[in-house]
Protein backbone atom coordinates (compact mmCIF):
# COMPACT_ATOMS: atom_id res chain seq x y z
CA MET A 1 0.10 -0.41 0.23
CA LYS A 2 1.59 3.23 -0.86
CA SER A 3 0.95 6.29 1.26
CA ASP A 4 1.67 10.24 0.43
CA LEU A 5 2.92 10.09 4.57
CA ALA A 6 6.14 10.58 3.58
CA ALA A 7 5.96 12.05 0.32
CA VAL A 8 8.49 14.58 1.12
CA PRO A 9 11.54 12.98 2.80
CA TYR A 10 12.05 15.75 5.65
CA SER A 11 8.13 15.96 6.29
CA LEU A 12 8.19 13.26 8.91
CA ARG A 13 11.16 15.06 10.43
CA HIS A 14 10.07 18.42 10.51
CA ALA A 15 7.05 16.72 12.53
CA GLY A 16 9.02 15.40 15.03
CA VAL A 17 11.04 18.20 15.71
CA SER A 18 7.66 20.62 15.70
CA LEU A 19 5.70 18.07 18.36
CA TRP A 20 8.96 18.19 20.51
CA ILE A 21 8.49 22.06 20.36
CA LYS A 22 5.17 22.29 21.06
CA SER A 23 5.24 19.76 23.69
CA GLY A 24 7.14 22.40 25.37
CA VAL A 25 11.15 20.79 25.40
CA ASP A 26 13.48 23.42 25.67
CA PRO A 27 14.74 24.50 22.60
CA ALA A 28 18.40 23.79 22.95
CA GLU A 29 17.76 20.65 23.55
CA VAL A 30 15.44 20.08 20.25
CA ALA A 31 18.03 21.92 18.42
CA ALA A 32 20.89 19.46 19.89
CA ARG A 33 18.17 16.18 19.27
CA ALA A 34 17.70 17.28 15.77
CA GLY A 35 21.30 18.04 14.72
CA HIS A 36 20.53 21.76 14.26
CA SER A 37 21.97 24.99 16.23
CA ILE A 38 19.74 26.87 17.92
CA ALA A 39 19.95 29.39 14.98
CA VAL A 40 18.72 27.04 12.24
CA LEU A 41 16.02 26.00 14.82
CA TYR A 42 15.07 29.39 15.13
CA ARG A 43 15.26 30.74 11.84
CA PHE A 44 13.34 27.37 9.80
CA TYR A 45 10.84 27.13 13.14
CA ALA A 46 10.09 30.39 14.25
CA LYS A 47 6.66 30.47 13.51
CA ILE A 48 6.17 27.14 15.99
CA LEU A 49 8.31 29.01 18.83
CA LYS A 50 6.09 32.15 18.64
CA GLY A 51 3.27 32.30 20.68
CA GLY A 52 2.28 30.52 23.80
CA GLN A 53 2.37 33.69 25.57
CA GLN A 54 -0.45 32.39 28.09
CA HIS A 55 1.87 29.19 28.88
CA SER A 56 4.91 31.18 29.15
CA ASN A 57 3.56 33.67 31.86
CA SER A 58 1.98 30.77 33.73
CA LEU A 59 5.08 29.12 33.94
CA ILE A 60 7.08 32.57 35.23
CA ALA A 61 4.42 33.59 37.66
CA ARG A 62 4.67 29.49 39.31
CA ALA A 63 8.45 30.01 39.31
CA LEU A 64 8.21 33.42 40.89
CA ASP A 65 5.77 31.72 43.56
CA GLU A 66 8.35 29.13 44.22
CA GLY A 67 10.91 31.99 44.92
CA GLU A 68 8.01 33.62 47.71
CA GLN A 69 8.32 30.24 49.69
CA PRO A 70 10.35 30.71 52.97
């Protein structure tokens, strides 16, 4: 059975890297696992890295709250 799923050789790789980024994996770790420099990761995946401000704000607020603990 023929599938168009891997019609473009890097489609699955791109999907994997995109999933890692959207899952919240540190961009430096994603770049290392993908064999990219961070500059290349940001250049090609910038649209995926953008957004998520609410999630980022929540992470920052949680870290600040944890810092207030005696």
